[in-house]
PDB file of N, CA and C in Angstrom:
ATOM      1  N   MET A   1      95.206  86.582 126.135  1.00  0.00           N
ATOM      2  CA  MET A   1      95.688  87.338 125.513  1.00  0.00           C
ATOM      3  C   MET A   1      96.082  88.934 125.878  1.00  0.00           C
ATOM      4  N   ALA A   2      96.953  89.661 126.318  1.00  0.00           N
ATOM      5  CA  ALA A   2      97.126  91.163 126.081  1.00  0.00           C
ATOM      6  C   ALA A   2      97.221  92.350 125.353  1.00  0.00           C
ATOM      7  N   ILE A   3      96.973  91.609 124.212  1.00  0.00           N
ATOM      8  CA  ILE A   3      96.814  92.665 123.161  1.00  0.00           C
ATOM      9  C   ILE A   3      95.560  93.881 123.770  1.00  0.00           C
ATOM     10  N   SER A   4      95.694  95.528 123.635  1.00  0.00           N
ATOM     11  CA  SER A   4      94.861  95.806 123.845  1.00  0.00           C
ATOM     12  C   SER A   4      94.481  96.893 122.881  1.00  0.00           C
ATOM     13  N   GLN A   5      95.452  97.513 121.762  1.00  0.00           N
ATOM     14  CA  GLN A   5      94.735  98.280 120.468  1.00  0.00           C
ATOM     15  C   GLN A   5      96.344  98.228 119.509  1.00  0.00           C
ATOM     16  N   ILE A   6      95.970  98.590 118.762  1.00  0.00           N
ATOM     17  CA  ILE A   6      96.676  98.922 117.677  1.00  0.00           C
ATOM     18  C   ILE A   6      97.650 100.617 117.856  1.00  0.00           C
ATOM     19  N   GLN A   7      98.400 100.458 118.269  1.00  0.00           N
ATOM     20  CA  GLN A   7      98.898 101.848 118.353  1.00  0.00           C
ATOM     21  C   GLN A   7      99.738 102.670 117.283  1.00  0.00           C
ATOM     22  N   LEU A   8     100.225 101.539 116.022  1.00  0.00           N
ATOM     23  CA  LEU A   8     100.832 102.242 114.893  1.00  0.00           C
ATOM     24  C   LEU A   8     101.033 101.414 113.880  1.00  0.00           C
ATOM     25  N   PHE A   9     100.550 101.484 112.621  1.00  0.00           N
ATOM     26  CA  PHE A   9     100.848 101.262 111.594  1.00  0.00           C
ATOM     27  C   PHE A   9     101.659 101.679 110.789  1.00  0.00           C
ATOM     28  N   SER A  10     102.144 101.328 109.528  1.00  0.00           N
ATOM     29  CA  SER A  10     103.214 102.046 108.618  1.00  0.00           C
ATOM     30  C   SER A  10     102.483 102.231 107.793  1.00  0.00           C
ATOM     31  N   VAL A  11     102.479 103.634 106.880  1.00  0.00           N
ATOM     32  CA  VAL A  11     101.899 103.798 105.026  1.00  0.00           C
ATOM     33  C   VAL A  11     103.221 103.936 104.590  1.00  0.00           C
ATOM     34  N   PRO A  12     103.252 103.074 103.577  1.00  0.00           N
ATOM     35  CA  PRO A  12     104.492 103.282 102.765  1.00  0.00           C
ATOM     36  C   PRO A  12     104.094 104.530 101.465  1.00  0.00           C
ATOM     37  N   VAL A  13     105.277 105.179 101.548  1.00  0.00           N
ATOM     38  CA  VAL A  13     105.106 106.291 100.166  1.00  0.00           C
ATOM     39  C   VAL A  13     106.527 106.626  99.973  1.00  0.00           C
ATOM     40  N   SER A  14     106.271 107.402  98.798  1.00  0.00           N
ATOM     41  CA  SER A  14     107.437 107.979  97.808  1.00  0.00           C
ATOM     42  C   SER A  14     108.264 109.033  98.048  1.00  0.00           C
ATOM     43  N   ASP A  15     107.210 109.691  98.913  1.00  0.00           N
ATOM     44  CA  ASP A  15     107.767 111.397  99.539  1.00  0.00           C
ATOM     45  C   ASP A  15     107.612 111.786 100.484  1.00  0.00           C
ATOM     46  N   GLN A  16     107.728 111.719 101.458  1.00  0.00           N
ATOM     47  CA  GLN A  16     107.395 111.327 103.198  1.00  0.00           C
ATOM     48  C   GLN A  16     106.870 113.172 103.254  1.00  0.00           C
ATOM     49  N   ASP A  17     107.658 114.554 102.596  1.00  0.00           N
ATOM     50  CA  ASP A  17     106.808 115.598 102.780  1.00  0.00           C
ATOM     51  C   ASP A  17     106.040 116.066 101.787  1.00  0.00           C
ATOM     52  N   ARG A  18     105.270 115.247 101.085  1.00  0.00           N
ATOM     53  CA  ARG A  18     104.315 115.255 100.176  1.00  0.00           C
ATOM     54  C   ARG A  18     103.071 114.747 101.175  1.00  0.00           C
ATOM     55  N   SER A  19     103.731 113.500 101.471  1.00  0.00           N
ATOM     56  CA  SER A  19     102.817 112.543 102.188  1.00  0.00           C
ATOM     57  C   SER A  19     102.055 113.249 103.584  1.00  0.00           C
ATOM     58  N   ARG A  20     102.954 114.285 104.202  1.00  0.00           N
ATOM     59  CA  ARG A  20     103.222 114.699 105.287  1.00  0.00           C
ATOM     60  C   ARG A  20     102.397 115.561 105.331  1.00  0.00           C
ATOM     61  N   ASP A  21     102.291 116.992 104.488  1.00  0.00           N
ATOM     62  CA  ASP A  21     101.137 117.740 104.011  1.00  0.00           C
ATOM     63  C   ASP A  21     100.219 117.180 103.250  1.00  0.00           C
ATOM     64  N   PHE A  22      99.932 116.031 102.599  1.00  0.00           N
ATOM     65  CA  PHE A  22      98.509 115.594 102.850  1.00  0.00           C
ATOM     66  C   PHE A  22      97.730 115.466 104.036  1.00  0.00           C
ATOM     67  N   TYR A  23      98.680 114.445 104.591  1.00  0.00           N
ATOM     68  CA  TYR A  23      98.021 113.837 105.904  1.00  0.00           C
ATOM     69  C   TYR A  23      97.604 114.702 106.871  1.00  0.00           C
ATOM     70  N   ARG A  24      98.418 115.681 106.694  1.00  0.00           N
ATOM     71  CA  ARG A  24      98.780 117.078 107.928  1.00  0.00           C
ATOM     72  C   ARG A  24      97.495 118.193 107.908  1.00  0.00           C
ATOM     73  N   ASP A  25      97.667 118.235 106.090  1.00  0.00           N
ATOM     74  CA  ASP A  25      97.175 119.753 105.997  1.00  0.00           C
ATOM     75  C   ASP A  25      95.492 119.397 105.072  1.00  0.00           C
ATOM     76  N   VAL A  26      95.570 118.208 104.452  1.00  0.00           N
ATOM     77  CA  VAL A  26      94.351 117.662 103.747  1.00  0.00           C
ATOM     78  C   VAL A  26      93.460 116.594 104.820  1.00  0.00           C
ATOM     79  N   LEU A  27      93.919 116.077 105.303  1.00  0.00           N
ATOM     80  CA  LEU A  27      93.232 114.791 106.192  1.00  0.00           C
ATOM     81  C   LEU A  27      93.003 115.782 107.802  1.00  0.00           C
ATOM     82  N   GLY A  28      94.064 116.527 107.874  1.00  0.00           N
ATOM     83  CA  GLY A  28      94.054 117.340 109.509  1.00  0.00           C
ATOM     84  C   GLY A  28      94.440 116.211 110.657  1.00  0.00           C
ATOM     85  N   PHE A  29      95.709 115.490 110.413  1.00  0.00           N
ATOM     86  CA  PHE A  29      96.197 114.834 111.165  1.00  0.00           C
ATOM     87  C   PHE A  29      97.060 115.701 112.018  1.00  0.00           C
ATOM     88  N   GLN A  30      97.779 115.177 113.105  1.00  0.00           N
ATOM     89  CA  GLN A  30      98.739 116.105 113.456  1.00  0.00           C
ATOM     90  C   GLN A  30     100.011 115.221 113.577  1.00  0.00           C
ATOM     91  N   VAL A  31     100.822 116.087 113.787  1.00  0.00           N
ATOM     92  CA  VAL A  31     102.515 115.405 113.638  1.00  0.00           C
ATOM     93  C   VAL A  31     102.592 115.308 114.509  1.00  0.00           C
ATOM     94  N   LEU A  32     103.086 114.081 115.110  1.00  0.00           N
ATOM     95  CA  LEU A  32     103.694 113.447 116.277  1.00  0.00           C
ATOM     96  C   LEU A  32     105.023 113.634 116.608  1.00  0.00           C
ATOM     97  N   GLY A  33     106.074 113.072 115.685  1.00  0.00           N
ATOM     98  CA  GLY A  33     107.129 113.018 115.584  1.00  0.00           C
ATOM     99  C   GLY A  33     107.935 112.932 114.288  1.00  0.00           C
ATOM    100  N   ASP A  34     108.649 113.735 114.759  1.00  0.00           N
ATOM    101  CA  ASP A  34     109.494 114.032 112.234  1.00  0.00           C
ATOM    102  C   ASP A  34     111.092 114.433 113.303  1.00  0.00           C
ATOM    103  N   ARG A  35     111.704 113.070 113.049  1.00  0.00           N
ATOM    104  CA  ARG A  35     113.576 113.308 113.514  1.00  0.00           C
ATOM    105  C   ARG A  35     113.903 112.178 112.367  1.00  0.00           C
ATOM    106  N   GLN A  36     114.852 112.745 112.156  1.00  0.00           N
ATOM    107  CA  GLN A  36     116.111 111.792 111.217  1.00  0.00           C
ATOM    108  C   GLN A  36     116.996 110.782 112.330  1.00  0.00           C
ATOM    109  N   MET A  37     116.411 109.368 111.409  1.00  0.00           N
ATOM    110  CA  MET A  37     117.092 107.850 112.681  1.00  0.00           C
ATOM    111  C   MET A  37     118.570 108.077 112.171  1.00  0.00           C
ATOM    112  N   THR A  38     118.679 107.656 110.725  1.00  0.00           N
ATOM    113  CA  THR A  38     119.775 107.507 110.218  1.00  0.00           C
ATOM    114  C   THR A  38     119.914 108.149 108.963  1.00  0.00           C
ATOM    115  N   PRO A  39     121.071 107.901 107.927  1.00  0.00           N
ATOM    116  CA  PRO A  39     120.682 109.128 107.091  1.00  0.00           C
ATOM    117  C   PRO A  39     119.912 108.301 106.237  1.00  0.00           C
ATOM    118  N   GLU A  40     119.593 107.386 105.800  1.00  0.00           N
ATOM    119  CA  GLU A  40     118.031 106.683 105.208  1.00  0.00           C
ATOM    120  C   GLU A  40     116.977 106.479 106.037  1.00  0.00           C
ATOM    121  N   MET A  41     116.895 106.983 107.016  1.00  0.00           N
ATOM    122  CA  MET A  41     115.463 106.520 107.820  1.00  0.00           C
ATOM    123  C   MET A  41     115.271 107.968 108.857  1.00  0.00           C
ATOM    124  N   ARG A  42     113.778 108.192 108.293  1.00  0.00           N
ATOM    125  CA  ARG A  42     113.406 109.420 108.987  1.00  0.00           C
ATOM    126  C   ARG A  42     112.231 108.651 109.607  1.00  0.00           C
ATOM    127  N   TRP A  43     111.620 109.184 110.566  1.00  0.00           N
ATOM    128  CA  TRP A  43     111.092 108.869 111.479  1.00  0.00           C
ATOM    129  C   TRP A  43     109.413 110.056 111.282  1.00  0.00           C
ATOM    130  N   LEU A  44     108.559 109.672 111.033  1.00  0.00           N
ATOM    131  CA  LEU A  44     107.261 110.921 110.783  1.00  0.00           C
ATOM    132  C   LEU A  44     105.987 110.156 110.869  1.00  0.00           C
ATOM    133  N   GLN A  45     105.552 110.289 112.193  1.00  0.00           N
ATOM    134  CA  GLN A  45     104.247 109.904 113.023  1.00  0.00           C
ATOM    135  C   GLN A  45     103.247 110.876 112.862  1.00  0.00           C
ATOM    136  N   LEU A  46     102.083 110.401 112.313  1.00  0.00           N
ATOM    137  CA  LEU A  46     100.796 111.655 112.584  1.00  0.00           C
ATOM    138  C   LEU A  46     100.145 110.603 113.104  1.00  0.00           C
ATOM    139  N   ALA A  47      98.812 111.490 113.856  1.00  0.00           N
ATOM    140  CA  ALA A  47      97.684 110.946 114.025  1.00  0.00           C
ATOM    141  C   ALA A  47      96.450 111.532 114.283  1.00  0.00           C
ATOM    142  N   PRO A  48      95.086 111.522 113.984  1.00  0.00           N
ATOM    143  CA  PRO A  48      93.801 112.230 113.732  1.00  0.00           C
ATOM    144  C   PRO A  48      94.109 112.882 115.210  1.00  0.00           C
ATOM    145  N   PRO A  49      93.401 114.000 115.299  1.00  0.00           N
ATOM    146  CA  PRO A  49      93.225 114.817 116.800  1.00  0.00           C
ATOM    147  C   PRO A  49      92.952 114.145 117.493  1.00  0.00           C
ATOM    148  N   ARG A  50      92.235 113.120 117.427  1.00  0.00           N
ATOM    149  CA  ARG A  50      91.470 112.236 118.856  1.00  0.00           C
ATOM    150  C   ARG A  50      91.883 110.962 118.654  1.00  0.00           C
ATOM    151  N   GLY A  51      92.156 110.421 117.966  1.00  0.00           N
ATOM    152  CA  GLY A  51      92.906 109.214 117.605  1.00  0.00           C
ATOM    153  C   GLY A  51      93.981 109.016 118.879  1.00  0.00           C
ATOM    154  N   ASP A  52      93.418 107.171 118.750  1.00  0.00           N
ATOM    155  CA  ASP A  52      94.887 106.170 119.385  1.00  0.00           C
ATOM    156  C   ASP A  52      95.811 106.106 118.912  1.00  0.00           C
ATOM    157  N   THR A  53      95.274 105.445 117.618  1.00  0.00           N
ATOM    158  CA  THR A  53      96.241 104.674 116.637  1.00  0.00           C
ATOM    159  C   THR A  53      97.169 105.957 115.854  1.00  0.00           C
ATOM    160  N   SER A  54      97.868 105.358 115.678  1.00  0.00           N
ATOM    161  CA  SER A  54      98.996 106.619 114.891  1.00  0.00           C
ATOM    162  C   SER A  54      99.620 105.913 113.259  1.00  0.00           C
ATOM    163  N   ILE A  55     100.168 106.609 112.474  1.00  0.00           N
ATOM    164  CA  ILE A  55     100.593 106.070 111.361  1.00  0.00           C
ATOM    165  C   ILE A  55     101.989 106.510 111.384  1.00  0.00           C
ATOM    166  N   THR A  56     102.986 106.147 110.717  1.00  0.00           N
ATOM    167  CA  THR A  56     104.358 106.537 110.707  1.00  0.00           C
ATOM    168  C   THR A  56     104.823 106.399 108.874  1.00  0.00           C
ATOM    169  N   LEU A  57     104.862 107.057 108.528  1.00  0.00           N
ATOM    170  CA  LEU A  57     105.046 107.766 106.760  1.00  0.00           C
ATOM    171  C   LEU A  57     106.432 106.816 105.989  1.00  0.00           C
ATOM    172  N   VAL A  58     106.787 106.019 105.939  1.00  0.00           N
ATOM    173  CA  VAL A  58     108.280 105.299 105.375  1.00  0.00           C
ATOM    174  C   VAL A  58     108.480 105.195 104.332  1.00  0.00           C
ATOM    175  N   THR A  59     109.537 105.043 104.086  1.00  0.00           N
ATOM    176  CA  THR A  59     110.358 104.883 102.048  1.00  0.00           C
ATOM    177  C   THR A  59     111.228 103.869 102.685  1.00  0.00           C
ATOM    178  N   TRP A  60     111.483 103.250 103.760  1.00  0.00           N
ATOM    179  CA  TRP A  60     112.827 102.743 103.756  1.00  0.00           C
ATOM    180  C   TRP A  60     112.476 100.622 103.832  1.00  0.00           C
ATOM    181  N   PHE A  61     110.808 100.352 103.671  1.00  0.00           N
ATOM    182  CA  PHE A  61     110.687  98.802 103.620  1.00  0.00           C
ATOM    183  C   PHE A  61     111.031  98.506 102.381  1.00  0.00           C
ATOM    184  N   PRO A  62     111.914  97.715 101.304  1.00  0.00           N
ATOM    185  CA  PRO A  62     112.013  97.005 100.775  1.00  0.00           C
ATOM    186  C   PRO A  62     110.350  96.658 100.492  1.00  0.00           C
ATOM    187  N   THR A  63     110.012  95.725 101.051  1.00  0.00           N
ATOM    188  CA  THR A  63     108.799  95.441 100.462  1.00  0.00           C
ATOM    189  C   THR A  63     107.318  95.823 100.614  1.00  0.00           C
ATOM    190  N   MET A  64     107.477  97.168 101.366  1.00  0.00           N
ATOM    191  CA  MET A  64     106.155  97.384 101.272  1.00  0.00           C
ATOM    192  C   MET A  64     106.322  98.581 100.053  1.00  0.00           C
ATOM    193  N   LYS A  65     105.814  98.579  99.214  1.00  0.00           N
ATOM    194  CA  LYS A  65     105.517  99.873  98.383  1.00  0.00           C
ATOM    195  C   LYS A  65     104.746 100.480  98.154  1.00  0.00           C
ATOM    196  N   PRO A  66     104.889 102.128  97.939  1.00  0.00           N
ATOM    197  CA  PRO A  66     103.960 103.205  97.856  1.00  0.00           C
ATOM    198  C   PRO A  66     102.970 102.312  97.331  1.00  0.00           C
ATOM    199  N   GLY A  67     101.737 102.707  97.913  1.00  0.00           N
ATOM    200  CA  GLY A  67     100.242 102.664  96.878  1.00  0.00           C
ATOM    201  C   GLY A  67     100.026 100.913  97.670  1.00  0.00           C
ATOM    202  N   ASP A  68     100.752 100.156  97.858  1.00  0.00           N
ATOM    203  CA  ASP A  68     100.139  98.846  98.361  1.00  0.00           C
ATOM    204  C   ASP A  68      98.940  98.476  99.241  1.00  0.00           C
ATOM    205  N   LEU A  69      99.403  99.598 100.292  1.00  0.00           N
ATOM    206  CA  LEU A  69      98.889  99.819 101.463  1.00  0.00           C
ATOM    207  C   LEU A  69      96.862 100.212 101.374  1.00  0.00           C
ATOM    208  N   LYS A  70      95.969  99.431 101.498  1.00  0.00           N
ATOM    209  CA  LYS A  70      94.637  99.150 101.199  1.00  0.00           C
ATOM    210  C   LYS A  70      93.907  99.307 102.114  1.00  0.00           C
ATOM    211  N   GLY A  71      93.119  99.611 102.341  1.00  0.00           N
ATOM    212  CA  GLY A  71      91.485  99.266 103.353  1.00  0.00           C
ATOM    213  C   GLY A  71      92.012 100.399 105.225  1.00  0.00           C
ATOM    214  N   VAL A  72      92.666 101.123 104.882  1.00  0.00           N
ATOM    215  CA  VAL A  72      92.939 102.227 105.902  1.00  0.00           C
ATOM    216  C   VAL A  72      91.196 102.297 105.867  1.00  0.00           C
ATOM    217  N   VAL A  73      90.704 102.498 107.417  1.00  0.00           N
ATOM    218  CA  VAL A  73      89.656 102.906 107.668  1.00  0.00           C
ATOM    219  C   VAL A  73      89.734 103.975 108.566  1.00  0.00           C
ATOM    220  N   LEU A  74      88.852 105.694 108.086  1.00  0.00           N
ATOM    221  CA  LEU A  74      88.965 106.456 108.925  1.00  0.00           C
ATOM    222  C   LEU A  74      87.457 106.822 109.420  1.00  0.00           C
ATOM    223  N   GLU A  75      87.289 107.141 110.616  1.00  0.00           N
ATOM    224  CA  GLU A  75      85.984 106.688 111.456  1.00  0.00           C
ATOM    225  C   GLU A  75      85.883 109.229 111.272  1.00  0.00           C
ATOM    226  N   THR A  76      84.935 108.971 110.787  1.00  0.00           N
ATOM    227  CA  THR A  76      84.273 110.791 111.025  1.00  0.00           C
ATOM    228  C   THR A  76      82.749 110.443 111.520  1.00  0.00           C
ATOM    229  N   ASP A  77      82.584 111.501 112.018  1.00  0.00           N
ATOM    230  CA  ASP A  77      81.354 112.328 112.658  1.00  0.00           C
ATOM    231  C   ASP A  77      80.204 112.617 111.502  1.00  0.00           C
ATOM    232  N   ASP A  78      81.054 112.954 111.118  1.00  0.00           N
ATOM    233  CA  ASP A  78      80.146 114.105 109.692  1.00  0.00           C
ATOM    234  C   ASP A  78      80.322 113.347 107.626  1.00  0.00           C
ATOM    235  N   LEU A  79      80.233 112.347 107.839  1.00  0.00           N
ATOM    236  CA  LEU A  79      80.964 112.179 106.473  1.00  0.00           C
ATOM    237  C   LEU A  79      80.187 113.156 105.372  1.00  0.00           C
ATOM    238  N   ASP A  80      79.246 113.558 104.996  1.00  0.00           N
ATOM    239  CA  ASP A  80      78.324 114.225 104.044  1.00  0.00           C
ATOM    240  C   ASP A  80      79.784 115.546 103.795  1.00  0.00           C
ATOM    241  N   ALA A  81      79.772 116.113 105.360  1.00  0.00           N
ATOM    242  CA  ALA A  81      80.750 117.186 105.147  1.00  0.00           C
ATOM    243  C   ALA A  81      82.279 116.745 104.784  1.00  0.00           C
ATOM    244  N   ASP A  82      82.874 116.328 105.236  1.00  0.00           N
ATOM    245  CA  ASP A  82      84.069 115.646 105.286  1.00  0.00           C
ATOM    246  C   ASP A  82      84.092 115.499 103.765  1.00  0.00           C
ATOM    247  N   VAL A  83      83.842 114.768 103.018  1.00  0.00           N
ATOM    248  CA  VAL A  83      83.373 114.343 101.487  1.00  0.00           C
ATOM    249  C   VAL A  83      83.432 115.731 100.978  1.00  0.00           C
ATOM    250  N   ALA A  84      82.900 116.447 101.302  1.00  0.00           N
ATOM    251  CA  ALA A  84      82.352 117.527 100.570  1.00  0.00           C
ATOM    252  C   ALA A  84      84.190 118.792 100.645  1.00  0.00           C
ATOM    253  N   ARG A  85      84.321 118.858 101.921  1.00  0.00           N
ATOM    254  CA  ARG A  85      85.847 119.297 102.051  1.00  0.00           C
ATOM    255  C   ARG A  85      86.515 118.981 101.588  1.00  0.00           C
ATOM    256  N   LEU A  86      86.692 117.831 101.599  1.00  0.00           N
ATOM    257  CA  LEU A  86      88.020 117.207 100.587  1.00  0.00           C
ATOM    258  C   LEU A  86      88.109 117.308  99.188  1.00  0.00           C
ATOM    259  N   THR A  87      86.666 116.983  98.785  1.00  0.00           N
ATOM    260  CA  THR A  87      86.030 117.233  97.154  1.00  0.00           C
ATOM    261  C   THR A  87      86.563 118.553  97.178  1.00  0.00           C
ATOM    262  N   GLU A  88      86.801 119.536  97.877  1.00  0.00           N
ATOM    263  CA  GLU A  88      86.974 120.801  97.605  1.00  0.00           C
ATOM    264  C   GLU A  88      88.578 121.042  97.434  1.00  0.00           C
ATOM    265  N   ALA A  89      89.303 120.792  98.783  1.00  0.00           N
ATOM    266  CA  ALA A  89      90.763 120.088  98.357  1.00  0.00           C
ATOM    267  C   ALA A  89      91.349 119.450  97.727  1.00  0.00           C
ATOM    268  N   GLY A  90      90.426 118.910  97.000  1.00  0.00           N
ATOM    269  CA  GLY A  90      91.040 118.171  95.653  1.00  0.00           C
ATOM    270  C   GLY A  90      91.666 116.998  95.807  1.00  0.00           C
ATOM    271  N   VAL A  91      90.929 116.325  96.278  1.00  0.00           N
ATOM    272  CA  VAL A  91      90.721 114.698  96.798  1.00  0.00           C
ATOM    273  C   VAL A  91      89.977 114.266  95.570  1.00  0.00           C
ATOM    274  N   THR A  92      90.299 112.944  95.116  1.00  0.00           N
ATOM    275  CA  THR A  92      89.517 112.230  94.193  1.00  0.00           C
ATOM    276  C   THR A  92      88.713 111.485  94.659  1.00  0.00           C
ATOM    277  N   PHE A  93      87.378 111.136  95.054  1.00  0.00           N
ATOM    278  CA  PHE A  93      86.760 110.291  95.464  1.00  0.00           C
ATOM    279  C   PHE A  93      87.009 108.706  94.205  1.00  0.00           C
ATOM    280  N   THR A  94      87.145 107.877  94.981  1.00  0.00           N
ATOM    281  CA  THR A  94      86.949 106.415  93.995  1.00  0.00           C
ATOM    282  C   THR A  94      85.644 105.451  93.896  1.00  0.00           C
ATOM    283  N   SER A  95      84.731 106.368  94.623  1.00  0.00           N
ATOM    284  CA  SER A  95      83.373 105.964  95.218  1.00  0.00           C
ATOM    285  C   SER A  95      82.407 106.149  95.804  1.00  0.00           C
ATOM    286  N   GLY A  96      81.818 106.843  95.622  1.00  0.00           N
ATOM    287  CA  GLY A  96      80.676 107.499  95.765  1.00  0.00           C
ATOM    288  C   GLY A  96      80.201 107.128  96.984  1.00  0.00           C
ATOM    289  N   VAL A  97      79.140 107.924  98.256  1.00  0.00           N
ATOM    290  CA  VAL A  97      78.816 107.894  99.363  1.00  0.00           C
ATOM    291  C   VAL A  97      77.769 106.496  98.941  1.00  0.00           C
ATOM    292  N   GLU A  98      78.318 105.356  99.942  1.00  0.00           N
ATOM    293  CA  GLU A  98      77.960 104.041  99.590  1.00  0.00           C
ATOM    294  C   GLU A  98      77.327 103.616 101.025  1.00  0.00           C
ATOM    295  N   GLU A  99      76.203 103.332 101.118  1.00  0.00           N
ATOM    296  CA  GLU A  99      75.050 103.119 101.678  1.00  0.00           C
ATOM    297  C   GLU A  99      75.145 101.361 102.369  1.00  0.00           C
ATOM    298  N   GLN A 100      75.807 101.112 103.766  1.00  0.00           N
ATOM    299  CA  GLN A 100      75.647  99.737 104.309  1.00  0.00           C
ATOM    300  C   GLN A 100      74.695  99.622 105.524  1.00  0.00           C
ATOM    301  N   PRO A 101      74.195  97.963 105.585  1.00  0.00           N
ATOM    302  CA  PRO A 101      73.538  98.099 107.274  1.00  0.00           C
ATOM    303  C   PRO A 101      74.563  98.639 108.292  1.00  0.00           C
ATOM    304  N   TRP A 102      75.651  98.706 108.574  1.00  0.00           N
ATOM    305  CA  TRP A 102      76.486  99.546 109.698  1.00  0.00           C
ATOM    306  C   TRP A 102      76.755 100.686 109.614  1.00  0.00           C
ATOM    307  N   GLY A 103      75.851 101.460 108.811  1.00  0.00           N
ATOM    308  CA  GLY A 103      76.634 102.815 108.000  1.00  0.00           C
ATOM    309  C   GLY A 103      76.816 103.211 106.914  1.00  0.00           C
ATOM    310  N   ARG A 104      77.721 104.421 106.537  1.00  0.00           N
ATOM    311  CA  ARG A 104      78.026 104.806 104.823  1.00  0.00           C
ATOM    312  C   ARG A 104      79.420 105.124 104.684  1.00  0.00           C
ATOM    313  N   PHE A 105      79.897 105.217 103.700  1.00  0.00           N
ATOM    314  CA  PHE A 105      81.417 105.764 103.579  1.00  0.00           C
ATOM    315  C   PHE A 105      81.628 105.536 102.112  1.00  0.00           C
ATOM    316  N   ALA A 106      82.703 106.566 101.998  1.00  0.00           N
ATOM    317  CA  ALA A 106      83.359 107.176 100.625  1.00  0.00           C
ATOM    318  C   ALA A 106      84.685 106.751 100.685  1.00  0.00           C
ATOM    319  N   THR A 107      85.390 106.010  99.030  1.00  0.00           N
ATOM    320  CA  THR A 107      86.685 105.867  99.194  1.00  0.00           C
ATOM    321  C   THR A 107      87.844 106.962  98.207  1.00  0.00           C
ATOM    322  N   PHE A 108      88.672 107.361  98.748  1.00  0.00           N
ATOM    323  CA  PHE A 108      89.895 107.968  97.722  1.00  0.00           C
ATOM    324  C   PHE A 108      91.248 107.072  98.020  1.00  0.00           C
ATOM    325  N   ASP A 109      91.946 107.818  97.622  1.00  0.00           N
ATOM    326  CA  ASP A 109      93.173 107.233  97.755  1.00  0.00           C
ATOM    327  C   ASP A 109      94.439 108.218  98.084  1.00  0.00           C
ATOM    328  N   ASP A 110      95.365 108.384  98.917  1.00  0.00           N
ATOM    329  CA  ASP A 110      96.537 109.179  99.171  1.00  0.00           C
ATOM    330  C   ASP A 110      97.074 109.837  97.558  1.00  0.00           C
ATOM    331  N   PRO A 111      98.403 110.282  98.165  1.00  0.00           N
ATOM    332  CA  PRO A 111      98.999 110.796  97.198  1.00  0.00           C
ATOM    333  C   PRO A 111      99.628 110.001  95.938  1.00  0.00           C
ATOM    334  N   ASP A 112      99.922 108.365  97.236  1.00  0.00           N
ATOM    335  CA  ASP A 112     101.110 107.673  96.611  1.00  0.00           C
ATOM    336  C   ASP A 112     100.233 106.449  96.135  1.00  0.00           C
ATOM    337  N   GLY A 113      98.457 106.195  96.120  1.00  0.00           N
ATOM    338  CA  GLY A 113      97.577 105.363  95.933  1.00  0.00           C
ATOM    339  C   GLY A 113      97.481 104.400  97.189  1.00  0.00           C
ATOM    340  N   ASN A 114      97.435 104.614  97.768  1.00  0.00           N
ATOM    341  CA  ASN A 114      97.263 103.755  99.050  1.00  0.00           C
ATOM    342  C   ASN A 114      95.867 104.295  99.601  1.00  0.00           C
ATOM    343  N   GLY A 115      94.859 103.003  99.550  1.00  0.00           N
ATOM    344  CA  GLY A 115      93.190 103.160  99.601  1.00  0.00           C
ATOM    345  C   GLY A 115      92.738 103.329 101.129  1.00  0.00           C
ATOM    346  N   ILE A 116      92.286 104.597 101.098  1.00  0.00           N
ATOM    347  CA  ILE A 116      91.384 104.790 102.277  1.00  0.00           C
ATOM    348  C   ILE A 116      89.918 104.774 102.251  1.00  0.00           C
ATOM    349  N   VAL A 117      89.326 104.093 103.131  1.00  0.00           N
ATOM    350  CA  VAL A 117      88.029 104.354 103.373  1.00  0.00           C
ATOM    351  C   VAL A 117      87.570 105.220 104.475  1.00  0.00           C
ATOM    352  N   LEU A 118      87.001 106.105 104.041  1.00  0.00           N
ATOM    353  CA  LEU A 118      86.191 107.105 105.320  1.00  0.00           C
ATOM    354  C   LEU A 118      84.835 107.103 105.553  1.00  0.00           C
ATOM    355  N   GLN A 119      84.759 106.361 106.501  1.00  0.00           N
ATOM    356  CA  GLN A 119      83.490 105.856 106.637  1.00  0.00           C
ATOM    357  C   GLN A 119      82.479 106.492 108.136  1.00  0.00           C
ATOM    358  N   HIS A 120      81.424 106.567 108.511  1.00  0.00           N
ATOM    359  CA  HIS A 120      80.229 107.079 109.510  1.00  0.00           C
ATOM    360  C   HIS A 120      79.643 105.896 109.510  1.00  0.00           C
ATOM    361  N   THR A 121      80.252 105.246 111.010  1.00  0.00           N
ATOM    362  CA  THR A 121      79.474 103.420 111.554  1.00  0.00           C
ATOM    363  C   THR A 121      77.866 104.252 112.421  1.00  0.00           C
ATOM    364  N   THR A 122      76.778 103.540 111.935  1.00  0.00           N
ATOM    365  CA  THR A 122      75.903 104.209 112.544  1.00  0.00           C
ATOM    366  C   THR A 122      75.311 102.681 113.582  1.00  0.00           C
ATOM    367  N   ASN A 123      75.895 102.027 112.925  1.00  0.00           N
ATOM    368  CA  ASN A 123      75.583 100.384 114.011  1.00  0.00           C
ATOM    369  C   ASN A 123      76.784  99.951 114.102  1.00  0.00           C
ATOM    370  N   ARG A 124      77.867  99.746 115.452  1.00  0.00           N
ATOM    371  CA  ARG A 124      78.963  98.810 115.394  1.00  0.00           C
ATOM    372  C   ARG A 124      78.299  97.066 115.790  1.00  0.00           C
ATOM    373  N   VAL A 125      77.569  97.181 115.681  1.00  0.00           N
ATOM    374  CA  VAL A 125      77.415  95.407 115.256  1.00  0.00           C
ATOM    375  C   VAL A 125      77.457  94.891 114.302  1.00  0.00           C
ATOM    376  N   LEU A 126      78.669  93.798 114.192  1.00  0.00           N
ATOM    377  CA  LEU A 126      79.468  92.937 113.745  1.00  0.00           C
ATOM    378  C   LEU A 126      78.705  92.274 112.286  1.00  0.00           C
ATOM    379  N   ILE A 127      78.587  92.000 111.407  1.00  0.00           N
ATOM    380  CA  ILE A 127      78.063  91.564 109.762  1.00  0.00           C
ATOM    381  C   ILE A 127      77.928  89.777 110.321  1.00  0.00           C
TER     382      ILE A 127
END
């Protein structure tokens, strides 16, 4: 098989501007593209500064309801500092920092309730 990476995935949101502001201003993502495709469809693509995978903030998929996406994992080099910074920015964590054999993580939701895991991996060996 020739699949080499995940290029992008769609995050279902109710308000693209509000979600763009959260992912850009709070999480530090960069806007890669923002253009109106049709009157009903706006292409809004963002990515972490050092990431290979990007996201699109979508409102036009009837089967994708805002808040339905769970388990998006964002890797960080400094979990404690990022949890503190995000908490100061108003993010409410749904779990405290948890320890696992492979690393540490904490969870939170975006403005629509899409579940995000912020993690620092110390051992990349799969369990």
